[in-house]
mmCIF file of all heavy atoms, coordinates in Angstrom:
data_MODEL
# 
_entry.id   MODEL 
# 
loop_
_atom_site.group_PDB 
_atom_site.id 
_atom_site.type_symbol 
_atom_site.label_atom_id 
_atom_site.label_alt_id 
_atom_site.label_comp_id 
_atom_site.label_asym_id 
_atom_site.label_entity_id 
_atom_site.label_seq_id 
_atom_site.pdbx_PDB_ins_code 
_atom_site.Cartn_x 
_atom_site.Cartn_y 
_atom_site.Cartn_z 
_atom_site.occupancy 
_atom_site.B_iso_or_equiv 
_atom_site.pdbx_formal_charge 
_atom_site.auth_seq_id 
_atom_site.auth_comp_id 
_atom_site.auth_asym_id 
_atom_site.auth_atom_id 
_atom_site.pdbx_PDB_model_num 
ATOM 1   N N   . LEU A 1 1  ? 0.834  -1.210 0.001  1.00 0.00 ? 1  LEU A N   1 
ATOM 2   C CA  . LEU A 1 1  ? 0.006  0.004  0.011  1.00 0.00 ? 1  LEU A CA  1 
ATOM 3   C C   . LEU A 1 1  ? 0.870  1.249  0.000  1.00 0.00 ? 1  LEU A C   1 
ATOM 4   O O   . LEU A 1 1  ? 0.593  2.211  -0.731 1.00 0.00 ? 1  LEU A O   1 
ATOM 5   C CB  . LEU A 1 1  ? -0.927 -0.004 1.221  1.00 0.00 ? 1  LEU A CB  1 
ATOM 6   C CG  . LEU A 1 1  ? -1.907 1.153  1.341  1.00 0.00 ? 1  LEU A CG  1 
ATOM 7   C CD1 . LEU A 1 1  ? -2.814 1.210  0.143  1.00 0.00 ? 1  LEU A CD1 1 
ATOM 8   C CD2 . LEU A 1 1  ? -2.722 1.015  2.637  1.00 0.00 ? 1  LEU A CD2 1 
ATOM 9   N N   . GLU A 1 2  ? 1.938  1.237  0.791  1.00 0.00 ? 2  GLU A N   1 
ATOM 10  C CA  . GLU A 1 2  ? 2.836  2.385  0.826  1.00 0.00 ? 2  GLU A CA  1 
ATOM 11  C C   . GLU A 1 2  ? 3.544  2.575  -0.522 1.00 0.00 ? 2  GLU A C   1 
ATOM 12  O O   . GLU A 1 2  ? 3.703  3.704  -1.007 1.00 0.00 ? 2  GLU A O   1 
ATOM 13  C CB  . GLU A 1 2  ? 3.876  2.223  1.950  1.00 0.00 ? 2  GLU A CB  1 
ATOM 14  C CG  . GLU A 1 2  ? 3.295  2.298  3.344  1.00 0.00 ? 2  GLU A CG  1 
ATOM 15  C CD  . GLU A 1 2  ? 2.614  3.627  3.605  1.00 0.00 ? 2  GLU A CD  1 
ATOM 16  O OE1 . GLU A 1 2  ? 3.209  4.679  3.314  1.00 0.00 ? 2  GLU A OE1 1 
ATOM 17  O OE2 . GLU A 1 2  ? 1.459  3.612  4.094  1.00 0.00 ? 2  GLU A OE2 1 
ATOM 18  N N   . VAL A 1 3  ? 3.975  1.473  -1.132 1.00 0.00 ? 3  VAL A N   1 
ATOM 19  C CA  . VAL A 1 3  ? 4.630  1.560  -2.434 1.00 0.00 ? 3  VAL A CA  1 
ATOM 20  C C   . VAL A 1 3  ? 3.677  2.140  -3.469 1.00 0.00 ? 3  VAL A C   1 
ATOM 21  O O   . VAL A 1 3  ? 4.050  3.018  -4.268 1.00 0.00 ? 3  VAL A O   1 
ATOM 22  C CB  . VAL A 1 3  ? 5.121  0.159  -2.894 1.00 0.00 ? 3  VAL A CB  1 
ATOM 23  C CG1 . VAL A 1 3  ? 5.535  0.188  -4.366 1.00 0.00 ? 3  VAL A CG1 1 
ATOM 24  C CG2 . VAL A 1 3  ? 6.290  -0.294 -2.030 1.00 0.00 ? 3  VAL A CG2 1 
ATOM 25  N N   . SER A 1 4  ? 2.421  1.687  -3.463 1.00 0.00 ? 4  SER A N   1 
ATOM 26  C CA  . SER A 1 4  ? 1.451  2.182  -4.435 1.00 0.00 ? 4  SER A CA  1 
ATOM 27  C C   . SER A 1 4  ? 1.184  3.673  -4.234 1.00 0.00 ? 4  SER A C   1 
ATOM 28  O O   . SER A 1 4  ? 0.978  4.392  -5.206 1.00 0.00 ? 4  SER A O   1 
ATOM 29  C CB  . SER A 1 4  ? 0.145  1.388  -4.343 1.00 0.00 ? 4  SER A CB  1 
ATOM 30  O OG  . SER A 1 4  ? -0.515 1.619  -3.103 1.00 0.00 ? 4  SER A OG  1 
ATOM 31  N N   . ARG A 1 5  ? 1.223  4.124  -3.003 1.00 0.00 ? 5  ARG A N   1 
ATOM 32  C CA  . ARG A 1 5  ? 1.037  5.558  -2.737 1.00 0.00 ? 5  ARG A CA  1 
ATOM 33  C C   . ARG A 1 5  ? 2.189  6.361  -3.308 1.00 0.00 ? 5  ARG A C   1 
ATOM 34  O O   . ARG A 1 5  ? 2.003  7.437  -3.884 1.00 0.00 ? 5  ARG A O   1 
ATOM 35  C CB  . ARG A 1 5  ? 0.908  5.800  -1.246 1.00 0.00 ? 5  ARG A CB  1 
ATOM 36  C CG  . ARG A 1 5  ? -0.446 5.391  -0.665 1.00 0.00 ? 5  ARG A CG  1 
ATOM 37  C CD  . ARG A 1 5  ? -0.440 5.457  0.834  1.00 0.00 ? 5  ARG A CD  1 
ATOM 38  N NE  . ARG A 1 5  ? -1.748 5.121  1.403  1.00 0.00 ? 5  ARG A NE  1 
ATOM 39  C CZ  . ARG A 1 5  ? -1.980 4.835  2.678  1.00 0.00 ? 5  ARG A CZ  1 
ATOM 40  N NH1 . ARG A 1 5  ? -0.957 4.856  3.538  1.00 0.00 ? 5  ARG A NH1 1 
ATOM 41  N NH2 . ARG A 1 5  ? -3.194 4.554  3.105  1.00 0.00 ? 5  ARG A NH2 1 
ATOM 42  N N   . PHE A 1 6  ? 3.407  5.860  -3.127 1.00 0.00 ? 6  PHE A N   1 
ATOM 43  C CA  . PHE A 1 6  ? 4.566  6.544  -3.716 1.00 0.00 ? 6  PHE A CA  1 
ATOM 44  C C   . PHE A 1 6  ? 4.462  6.571  -5.230 1.00 0.00 ? 6  PHE A C   1 
ATOM 45  O O   . PHE A 1 6  ? 4.695  7.605  -5.861 1.00 0.00 ? 6  PHE A O   1 
ATOM 46  C CB  . PHE A 1 6  ? 5.863  5.840  -3.289 1.00 0.00 ? 6  PHE A CB  1 
ATOM 47  C CG  . PHE A 1 6  ? 6.461  6.367  -2.007 1.00 0.00 ? 6  PHE A CG  1 
ATOM 48  C CD1 . PHE A 1 6  ? 6.319  5.669  -0.841 1.00 0.00 ? 6  PHE A CD1 1 
ATOM 49  C CD2 . PHE A 1 6  ? 7.179  7.554  -2.007 1.00 0.00 ? 6  PHE A CD2 1 
ATOM 50  C CE1 . PHE A 1 6  ? 6.875  6.145  0.346  1.00 0.00 ? 6  PHE A CE1 1 
ATOM 51  C CE2 . PHE A 1 6  ? 7.745  8.029  -0.836 1.00 0.00 ? 6  PHE A CE2 1 
ATOM 52  C CZ  . PHE A 1 6  ? 7.589  7.332  0.332  1.00 0.00 ? 6  PHE A CZ  1 
ATOM 53  N N   . GLU A 1 7  ? 4.145  5.421  -5.819 1.00 0.00 ? 7  GLU A N   1 
ATOM 54  C CA  . GLU A 1 7  ? 4.085  5.330  -7.279 1.00 0.00 ? 7  GLU A CA  1 
ATOM 55  C C   . GLU A 1 7  ? 3.025  6.255  -7.868 1.00 0.00 ? 7  GLU A C   1 
ATOM 56  O O   . GLU A 1 7  ? 3.186  6.790  -8.959 1.00 0.00 ? 7  GLU A O   1 
ATOM 57  C CB  . GLU A 1 7  ? 3.807  3.871  -7.714 1.00 0.00 ? 7  GLU A CB  1 
ATOM 58  C CG  . GLU A 1 7  ? 4.840  2.859  -7.279 1.00 0.00 ? 7  GLU A CG  1 
ATOM 59  C CD  . GLU A 1 7  ? 6.183  3.044  -7.944 1.00 0.00 ? 7  GLU A CD  1 
ATOM 60  O OE1 . GLU A 1 7  ? 6.242  3.760  -8.952 1.00 0.00 ? 7  GLU A OE1 1 
ATOM 61  O OE2 . GLU A 1 7  ? 7.169  2.465  -7.450 1.00 0.00 ? 7  GLU A OE2 1 
ATOM 62  N N   . ALA A 1 8  ? 1.922  6.432  -7.140 1.00 0.00 ? 8  ALA A N   1 
ATOM 63  C CA  . ALA A 1 8  ? 0.827  7.278  -7.631 1.00 0.00 ? 8  ALA A CA  1 
ATOM 64  C C   . ALA A 1 8  ? 1.026  8.737  -7.260 1.00 0.00 ? 8  ALA A C   1 
ATOM 65  O O   . ALA A 1 8  ? 0.204  9.572  -7.644 1.00 0.00 ? 8  ALA A O   1 
ATOM 66  C CB  . ALA A 1 8  ? -0.489 6.771  -7.047 1.00 0.00 ? 8  ALA A CB  1 
ATOM 67  N N   . GLY A 1 9  ? 2.098  9.061  -6.544 1.00 0.00 ? 9  GLY A N   1 
ATOM 68  C CA  . GLY A 1 9  ? 2.337  10.437 -6.137 1.00 0.00 ? 9  GLY A CA  1 
ATOM 69  C C   . GLY A 1 9  ? 1.375  10.927 -5.079 1.00 0.00 ? 9  GLY A C   1 
ATOM 70  O O   . GLY A 1 9  ? 1.131  12.121 -4.934 1.00 0.00 ? 9  GLY A O   1 
ATOM 71  N N   . LYS A 1 10 ? 0.786  10.005 -4.311 1.00 0.00 ? 10 LYS A N   1 
ATOM 72  C CA  . LYS A 1 10 ? -0.208 10.350 -3.305 1.00 0.00 ? 10 LYS A CA  1 
ATOM 73  C C   . LYS A 1 10 ? 0.329  10.201 -1.882 1.00 0.00 ? 10 LYS A C   1 
ATOM 74  O O   . LYS A 1 10 ? -0.441 10.225 -0.921 1.00 0.00 ? 10 LYS A O   1 
ATOM 75  C CB  . LYS A 1 10 ? -1.461 9.496  -3.472 1.00 0.00 ? 10 LYS A CB  1 
ATOM 76  C CG  . LYS A 1 10 ? -2.174 9.692  -4.809 1.00 0.00 ? 10 LYS A CG  1 
ATOM 77  C CD  . LYS A 1 10 ? -3.381 8.791  -4.931 1.00 0.00 ? 10 LYS A CD  1 
ATOM 78  C CE  . LYS A 1 10 ? -4.086 9.010  -6.271 1.00 0.00 ? 10 LYS A CE  1 
ATOM 79  N NZ  . LYS A 1 10 ? -5.247 8.105  -6.425 1.00 0.00 ? 10 LYS A NZ  1 
ATOM 80  N N   . LYS A 1 11 ? 1.627  10.013 -1.752 1.00 0.00 ? 11 LYS A N   1 
ATOM 81  C CA  . LYS A 1 11 ? 2.216  9.830  -0.427 1.00 0.00 ? 11 LYS A CA  1 
ATOM 82  C C   . LYS A 1 11 ? 2.468  11.199 0.219  1.00 0.00 ? 11 LYS A C   1 
ATOM 83  O O   . LYS A 1 11 ? 3.188  12.024 -0.331 1.00 0.00 ? 11 LYS A O   1 
ATOM 84  C CB  . LYS A 1 11 ? 3.519  9.043  -0.544 1.00 0.00 ? 11 LYS A CB  1 
ATOM 85  C CG  . LYS A 1 11 ? 4.229  8.825  0.790  1.00 0.00 ? 11 LYS A CG  1 
ATOM 86  C CD  . LYS A 1 11 ? 3.396  7.976  1.713  1.00 0.00 ? 11 LYS A CD  1 
ATOM 87  C CE  . LYS A 1 11 ? 4.083  7.771  3.049  1.00 0.00 ? 11 LYS A CE  1 
ATOM 88  N NZ  . LYS A 1 11 ? 3.276  6.995  3.983  1.00 0.00 ? 11 LYS A NZ  1 
ATOM 89  N N   . ASN A 1 12 ? 1.867  11.397 1.379  1.00 0.00 ? 12 ASN A N   1 
ATOM 90  C CA  . ASN A 1 12 ? 2.058  12.649 2.095  1.00 0.00 ? 12 ASN A CA  1 
ATOM 91  C C   . ASN A 1 12 ? 3.127  12.446 3.169  1.00 0.00 ? 12 ASN A C   1 
ATOM 92  O O   . ASN A 1 12 ? 3.058  11.488 3.958  1.00 0.00 ? 12 ASN A O   1 
ATOM 93  C CB  . ASN A 1 12 ? 0.760  13.112 2.742  1.00 0.00 ? 12 ASN A CB  1 
ATOM 94  C CG  . ASN A 1 12 ? -0.297 13.460 1.715  1.00 0.00 ? 12 ASN A CG  1 
ATOM 95  O OD1 . ASN A 1 12 ? 0.003  14.071 0.697  1.00 0.00 ? 12 ASN A OD1 1 
ATOM 96  N ND2 . ASN A 1 12 ? -1.554 13.098 1.980  1.00 0.00 ? 12 ASN A ND2 1 
ATOM 97  N N   . MET A 1 13 ? 4.095  13.344 3.235  1.00 0.00 ? 13 MET A N   1 
ATOM 98  C CA  . MET A 1 13 ? 5.169  13.249 4.207  1.00 0.00 ? 13 MET A CA  1 
ATOM 99  C C   . MET A 1 13 ? 4.996  14.333 5.264  1.00 0.00 ? 13 MET A C   1 
ATOM 100 O O   . MET A 1 13 ? 4.616  15.463 4.963  1.00 0.00 ? 13 MET A O   1 
ATOM 101 C CB  . MET A 1 13 ? 6.530  13.424 3.519  1.00 0.00 ? 13 MET A CB  1 
ATOM 102 C CG  . MET A 1 13 ? 6.746  12.522 2.309  1.00 0.00 ? 13 MET A CG  1 
ATOM 103 S SD  . MET A 1 13 ? 6.898  10.786 2.723  1.00 0.00 ? 13 MET A SD  1 
ATOM 104 C CE  . MET A 1 13 ? 8.560  10.728 3.315  1.00 0.00 ? 13 MET A CE  1 
ATOM 105 N N   . SER A 1 14 ? 5.267  13.986 6.523  1.00 0.00 ? 14 SER A N   1 
ATOM 106 C CA  . SER A 1 14 ? 5.190  14.947 7.628  1.00 0.00 ? 14 SER A CA  1 
ATOM 107 C C   . SER A 1 14 ? 6.625  15.339 7.981  1.00 0.00 ? 14 SER A C   1 
ATOM 108 O O   . SER A 1 14 ? 7.357  14.568 8.631  1.00 0.00 ? 14 SER A O   1 
ATOM 109 C CB  . SER A 1 14 ? 4.503  14.309 8.839  1.00 0.00 ? 14 SER A CB  1 
ATOM 110 O OG  . SER A 1 14 ? 3.174  13.932 8.512  1.00 0.00 ? 14 SER A OG  1 
ATOM 111 N N   . TRP A 1 15 ? 7.016  16.529 7.566  1.00 0.00 ? 15 TRP A N   1 
ATOM 112 C CA  . TRP A 1 15 ? 8.406  16.965 7.744  1.00 0.00 ? 15 TRP A CA  1 
ATOM 113 C C   . TRP A 1 15 ? 8.605  17.584 9.129  1.00 0.00 ? 15 TRP A C   1 
ATOM 114 O O   . TRP A 1 15 ? 7.860  18.460 9.551  1.00 0.00 ? 15 TRP A O   1 
ATOM 115 C CB  . TRP A 1 15 ? 8.791  17.958 6.650  1.00 0.00 ? 15 TRP A CB  1 
ATOM 116 C CG  . TRP A 1 15 ? 8.723  17.362 5.293  1.00 0.00 ? 15 TRP A CG  1 
ATOM 117 C CD1 . TRP A 1 15 ? 7.683  17.394 4.434  1.00 0.00 ? 15 TRP A CD1 1 
ATOM 118 C CD2 . TRP A 1 15 ? 9.745  16.596 4.646  1.00 0.00 ? 15 TRP A CD2 1 
ATOM 119 N NE1 . TRP A 1 15 ? 7.972  16.695 3.286  1.00 0.00 ? 15 TRP A NE1 1 
ATOM 120 C CE2 . TRP A 1 15 ? 9.250  16.196 3.392  1.00 0.00 ? 15 TRP A CE2 1 
ATOM 121 C CE3 . TRP A 1 15 ? 11.025 16.185 5.002  1.00 0.00 ? 15 TRP A CE3 1 
ATOM 122 C CZ2 . TRP A 1 15 ? 9.978  15.434 2.490  1.00 0.00 ? 15 TRP A CZ2 1 
ATOM 123 C CZ3 . TRP A 1 15 ? 11.770 15.432 4.108  1.00 0.00 ? 15 TRP A CZ3 1 
ATOM 124 C CH2 . TRP A 1 15 ? 11.238 15.077 2.885  1.00 0.00 ? 15 TRP A CH2 1 
ATOM 125 N N   . GLU A 1 16 ? 9.615  17.076 9.828  1.00 0.00 ? 16 GLU A N   1 
ATOM 126 C CA  . GLU A 1 16 ? 9.955  17.601 11.132 1.00 0.00 ? 16 GLU A CA  1 
ATOM 127 C C   . GLU A 1 16 ? 11.419 17.252 11.433 1.00 0.00 ? 16 GLU A C   1 
ATOM 128 O O   . GLU A 1 16 ? 12.028 16.444 10.749 1.00 0.00 ? 16 GLU A O   1 
ATOM 129 C CB  . GLU A 1 16 ? 9.047  16.960 12.186 1.00 0.00 ? 16 GLU A CB  1 
ATOM 130 C CG  . GLU A 1 16 ? 9.173  15.447 12.267 1.00 0.00 ? 16 GLU A CG  1 
ATOM 131 C CD  . GLU A 1 16 ? 8.268  14.836 13.322 1.00 0.00 ? 16 GLU A CD  1 
ATOM 132 O OE1 . GLU A 1 16 ? 7.974  15.529 14.322 1.00 0.00 ? 16 GLU A OE1 1 
ATOM 133 O OE2 . GLU A 1 16 ? 7.854  13.667 13.148 1.00 0.00 ? 16 GLU A OE2 1 
ATOM 134 N N   . ARG A 1 17 ? 11.961 17.880 12.476 1.00 0.00 ? 17 ARG A N   1 
ATOM 135 C CA  . ARG A 1 17 ? 13.307 17.528 12.900 1.00 0.00 ? 17 ARG A CA  1 
ATOM 136 C C   . ARG A 1 17 ? 13.269 16.111 13.484 1.00 0.00 ? 17 ARG A C   1 
ATOM 137 O O   . ARG A 1 17 ? 12.520 15.826 14.414 1.00 0.00 ? 17 ARG A O   1 
ATOM 138 C CB  . ARG A 1 17 ? 13.795 18.515 13.963 1.00 0.00 ? 17 ARG A CB  1 
ATOM 139 C CG  . ARG A 1 17 ? 14.220 19.865 13.385 1.00 0.00 ? 17 ARG A CG  1 
ATOM 140 C CD  . ARG A 1 17 ? 14.423 20.865 14.520 1.00 0.00 ? 17 ARG A CD  1 
ATOM 141 N NE  . ARG A 1 17 ? 15.322 20.364 15.546 1.00 0.00 ? 17 ARG A NE  1 
ATOM 142 C CZ  . ARG A 1 17 ? 16.643 20.519 15.544 1.00 0.00 ? 17 ARG A CZ  1 
ATOM 143 N NH1 . ARG A 1 17 ? 17.228 21.162 14.552 1.00 0.00 ? 17 ARG A NH1 1 
ATOM 144 N NH2 . ARG A 1 17 ? 17.379 20.062 16.539 1.00 0.00 ? 17 ARG A NH2 1 
ATOM 145 N N   . SER A 1 18 ? 14.089 15.220 12.910 1.00 0.00 ? 18 SER A N   1 
ATOM 146 C CA  . SER A 1 18 ? 14.065 13.821 13.342 1.00 0.00 ? 18 SER A CA  1 
ATOM 147 C C   . SER A 1 18 ? 15.471 13.414 13.786 1.00 0.00 ? 18 SER A C   1 
ATOM 148 O O   . SER A 1 18 ? 16.442 13.587 13.044 1.00 0.00 ? 18 SER A O   1 
ATOM 149 C CB  . SER A 1 18 ? 13.607 12.920 12.180 1.00 0.00 ? 18 SER A CB  1 
ATOM 150 O OG  . SER A 1 18 ? 12.302 13.277 11.744 1.00 0.00 ? 18 SER A OG  1 
ATOM 151 N N   . ASN A 1 19 ? 15.537 12.846 14.971 1.00 0.00 ? 19 ASN A N   1 
ATOM 152 C CA  . ASN A 1 19 ? 16.801 12.400 15.545 1.00 0.00 ? 19 ASN A CA  1 
ATOM 153 C C   . ASN A 1 19 ? 17.043 10.959 15.142 1.00 0.00 ? 19 ASN A C   1 
ATOM 154 O O   . ASN A 1 19 ? 16.412 10.033 15.675 1.00 0.00 ? 19 ASN A O   1 
ATOM 155 C CB  . ASN A 1 19 ? 16.766 12.553 17.072 1.00 0.00 ? 19 ASN A CB  1 
ATOM 156 C CG  . ASN A 1 19 ? 18.116 12.322 17.711 1.00 0.00 ? 19 ASN A CG  1 
ATOM 157 O OD1 . ASN A 1 19 ? 18.857 11.437 17.307 1.00 0.00 ? 19 ASN A OD1 1 
ATOM 158 N ND2 . ASN A 1 19 ? 18.423 13.116 18.719 1.00 0.00 ? 19 ASN A ND2 1 
ATOM 159 N N   . LEU A 1 20 ? 17.960 10.727 14.201 1.00 0.00 ? 20 LEU A N   1 
ATOM 160 C CA  . LEU A 1 20 ? 18.204 9.379  13.714 1.00 0.00 ? 20 LEU A CA  1 
ATOM 161 C C   . LEU A 1 20 ? 18.819 8.486  14.776 1.00 0.00 ? 20 LEU A C   1 
ATOM 162 O O   . LEU A 1 20 ? 18.572 7.271  14.787 1.00 0.00 ? 20 LEU A O   1 
ATOM 163 C CB  . LEU A 1 20 ? 19.131 9.438  12.488 1.00 0.00 ? 20 LEU A CB  1 
ATOM 164 C CG  . LEU A 1 20 ? 18.521 10.049 11.229 1.00 0.00 ? 20 LEU A CG  1 
ATOM 165 C CD1 . LEU A 1 20 ? 19.558 10.101 10.114 1.00 0.00 ? 20 LEU A CD1 1 
ATOM 166 C CD2 . LEU A 1 20 ? 17.313 9.241  10.771 1.00 0.00 ? 20 LEU A CD2 1 
ATOM 167 N N   . GLN A 1 21 ? 19.586 9.062  15.679 1.00 0.00 ? 21 GLN A N   1 
ATOM 168 C CA  . GLN A 1 21 ? 20.175 8.253  16.754 1.00 0.00 ? 21 GLN A CA  1 
ATOM 169 C C   . GLN A 1 21 ? 19.075 7.685  17.639 1.00 0.00 ? 21 GLN A C   1 
ATOM 170 O O   . GLN A 1 21 ? 19.110 6.487  18.026 1.00 0.00 ? 21 GLN A O   1 
ATOM 171 C CB  . GLN A 1 21 ? 21.132 9.104  17.582 1.00 0.00 ? 21 GLN A CB  1 
ATOM 172 C CG  . GLN A 1 21 ? 21.941 8.314  18.606 1.00 0.00 ? 21 GLN A CG  1 
ATOM 173 C CD  . GLN A 1 21 ? 22.993 9.162  19.287 1.00 0.00 ? 21 GLN A CD  1 
ATOM 174 O OE1 . GLN A 1 21 ? 23.108 10.358 19.040 1.00 0.00 ? 21 GLN A OE1 1 
ATOM 175 N NE2 . GLN A 1 21 ? 23.747 8.551  20.194 1.00 0.00 ? 21 GLN A NE2 1 
ATOM 176 N N   . GLU A 1 22 ? 18.071 8.500  17.960 1.00 0.00 ? 22 GLU A N   1 
ATOM 177 C CA  . GLU A 1 22 ? 16.960 8.010  18.778 1.00 0.00 ? 22 GLU A CA  1 
ATOM 178 C C   . GLU A 1 22 ? 16.160 6.960  18.035 1.00 0.00 ? 22 GLU A C   1 
ATOM 179 O O   . GLU A 1 22 ? 15.726 5.956  18.615 1.00 0.00 ? 22 GLU A O   1 
ATOM 180 C CB  . GLU A 1 22 ? 16.048 9.179  19.165 1.00 0.00 ? 22 GLU A CB  1 
ATOM 181 C CG  . GLU A 1 22 ? 16.650 10.145 20.165 1.00 0.00 ? 22 GLU A CG  1 
ATOM 182 C CD  . GLU A 1 22 ? 15.683 11.255 20.525 1.00 0.00 ? 22 GLU A CD  1 
ATOM 183 O OE1 . GLU A 1 22 ? 14.564 11.273 19.940 1.00 0.00 ? 22 GLU A OE1 1 
ATOM 184 O OE2 . GLU A 1 22 ? 16.036 12.092 21.372 1.00 0.00 ? 22 GLU A OE2 1 
ATOM 185 N N   . ILE A 1 23 ? 15.948 7.171  16.741 1.00 0.00 ? 23 ILE A N   1 
ATOM 186 C CA  . ILE A 1 23 ? 15.193 6.215  15.934 1.00 0.00 ? 23 ILE A CA  1 
ATOM 187 C C   . ILE A 1 23 ? 15.884 4.862  15.924 1.00 0.00 ? 23 ILE A C   1 
ATOM 188 O O   . ILE A 1 23 ? 15.266 3.812  16.091 1.00 0.00 ? 23 ILE A O   1 
ATOM 189 C CB  . ILE A 1 23 ? 15.002 6.750  14.504 1.00 0.00 ? 23 ILE A CB  1 
ATOM 190 C CG1 . ILE A 1 23 ? 14.064 7.969  14.512 1.00 0.00 ? 23 ILE A CG1 1 
ATOM 191 C CG2 . ILE A 1 23 ? 14.451 5.664  13.571 1.00 0.00 ? 23 ILE A CG2 1 
ATOM 192 C CD1 . ILE A 1 23 ? 13.939 8.662  13.160 1.00 0.00 ? 23 ILE A CD1 1 
ATOM 193 N N   . ILE A 1 24 ? 17.209 4.883  15.726 1.00 0.00 ? 24 ILE A N   1 
ATOM 194 C CA  . ILE A 1 24 ? 17.967 3.636  15.706 1.00 0.00 ? 24 ILE A CA  1 
ATOM 195 C C   . ILE A 1 24 ? 17.867 2.912  17.042 1.00 0.00 ? 24 ILE A C   1 
ATOM 196 O O   . ILE A 1 24 ? 17.651 1.680  17.096 1.00 0.00 ? 24 ILE A O   1 
ATOM 197 C CB  . ILE A 1 24 ? 19.443 3.924  15.349 1.00 0.00 ? 24 ILE A CB  1 
ATOM 198 C CG1 . ILE A 1 24 ? 19.559 4.356  13.893 1.00 0.00 ? 24 ILE A CG1 1 
ATOM 199 C CG2 . ILE A 1 24 ? 20.318 2.694  15.631 1.00 0.00 ? 24 ILE A CG2 1 
ATOM 200 C CD1 . ILE A 1 24 ? 20.934 4.851  13.500 1.00 0.00 ? 24 ILE A CD1 1 
ATOM 201 N N   . GLN A 1 25 ? 17.977 3.633  18.150 1.00 0.00 ? 25 GLN A N   1 
ATOM 202 C CA  . GLN A 1 25 ? 17.903 3.019  19.471 1.00 0.00 ? 25 GLN A CA  1 
ATOM 203 C C   . GLN A 1 25 ? 16.530 2.377  19.692 1.00 0.00 ? 25 GLN A C   1 
ATOM 204 O O   . GLN A 1 25 ? 16.419 1.273  20.242 1.00 0.00 ? 25 GLN A O   1 
ATOM 205 C CB  . GLN A 1 25 ? 18.177 4.078  20.565 1.00 0.00 ? 25 GLN A CB  1 
ATOM 206 C CG  . GLN A 1 25 ? 19.602 4.589  20.578 1.00 0.00 ? 25 GLN A CG  1 
ATOM 207 C CD  . GLN A 1 25 ? 20.619 3.549  21.051 1.00 0.00 ? 25 GLN A CD  1 
ATOM 208 O OE1 . GLN A 1 25 ? 20.257 2.448  21.464 1.00 0.00 ? 25 GLN A OE1 1 
ATOM 209 N NE2 . GLN A 1 25 ? 21.900 3.875  20.969 1.00 0.00 ? 25 GLN A NE2 1 
ATOM 210 N N   . GLU A 1 26 ? 15.487 3.052  19.240 1.00 0.00 ? 26 GLU A N   1 
ATOM 211 C CA  . GLU A 1 26 ? 14.116 2.509  19.377 1.00 0.00 ? 26 GLU A CA  1 
ATOM 212 C C   . GLU A 1 26 ? 13.982 1.199  18.607 1.00 0.00 ? 26 GLU A C   1 
ATOM 213 O O   . GLU A 1 26 ? 13.423 0.215  19.101 1.00 0.00 ? 26 GLU A O   1 
ATOM 214 C CB  . GLU A 1 26 ? 13.096 3.510  18.868 1.00 0.00 ? 26 GLU A CB  1 
ATOM 215 C CG  . GLU A 1 26 ? 12.944 4.745  19.769 1.00 0.00 ? 26 GLU A CG  1 
ATOM 216 C CD  . GLU A 1 26 ? 11.990 5.754  19.148 1.00 0.00 ? 26 GLU A CD  1 
ATOM 217 O OE1 . GLU A 1 26 ? 11.366 5.421  18.110 1.00 0.00 ? 26 GLU A OE1 1 
ATOM 218 O OE2 . GLU A 1 26 ? 11.879 6.886  19.666 1.00 0.00 ? 26 GLU A OE2 1 
ATOM 219 N N   . VAL A 1 27 ? 14.445 1.195  17.358 1.00 0.00 ? 27 VAL A N   1 
ATOM 220 C CA  . VAL A 1 27 ? 14.310 0.018  16.509 1.00 0.00 ? 27 VAL A CA  1 
ATOM 221 C C   . VAL A 1 27 ? 15.142 -1.139 17.066 1.00 0.00 ? 27 VAL A C   1 
ATOM 222 O O   . VAL A 1 27 ? 14.692 -2.282 17.092 1.00 0.00 ? 27 VAL A O   1 
ATOM 223 C CB  . VAL A 1 27 ? 14.725 0.338  15.056 1.00 0.00 ? 27 VAL A CB  1 
ATOM 224 C CG1 . VAL A 1 27 ? 14.773 -0.928 14.213 1.00 0.00 ? 27 VAL A CG1 1 
ATOM 225 C CG2 . VAL A 1 27 ? 13.766 1.352  14.452 1.00 0.00 ? 27 VAL A CG2 1 
ATOM 226 N N   . VAL A 1 28 ? 16.349 -0.838 17.518 1.00 0.00 ? 28 VAL A N   1 
ATOM 227 C CA  . VAL A 1 28 ? 17.218 -1.889 18.066 1.00 0.00 ? 28 VAL A CA  1 
ATOM 228 C C   . VAL A 1 28 ? 16.587 -2.488 19.319 1.00 0.00 ? 28 VAL A C   1 
ATOM 229 O O   . VAL A 1 28 ? 16.602 -3.722 19.514 1.00 0.00 ? 28 VAL A O   1 
ATOM 230 C CB  . VAL A 1 28 ? 18.618 -1.319 18.369 1.00 0.00 ? 28 VAL A CB  1 
ATOM 231 C CG1 . VAL A 1 28 ? 19.417 -2.291 19.227 1.00 0.00 ? 28 VAL A CG1 1 
ATOM 232 C CG2 . VAL A 1 28 ? 19.360 -1.023 17.064 1.00 0.00 ? 28 VAL A CG2 1 
# 
């Protein structure tokens, strides 16, 4: 579903300051 949204140009992105170090720690 996400791929189809990208392909159709209908994917909406929420832009904000994102801390990649925190994201990695959460996923790990």
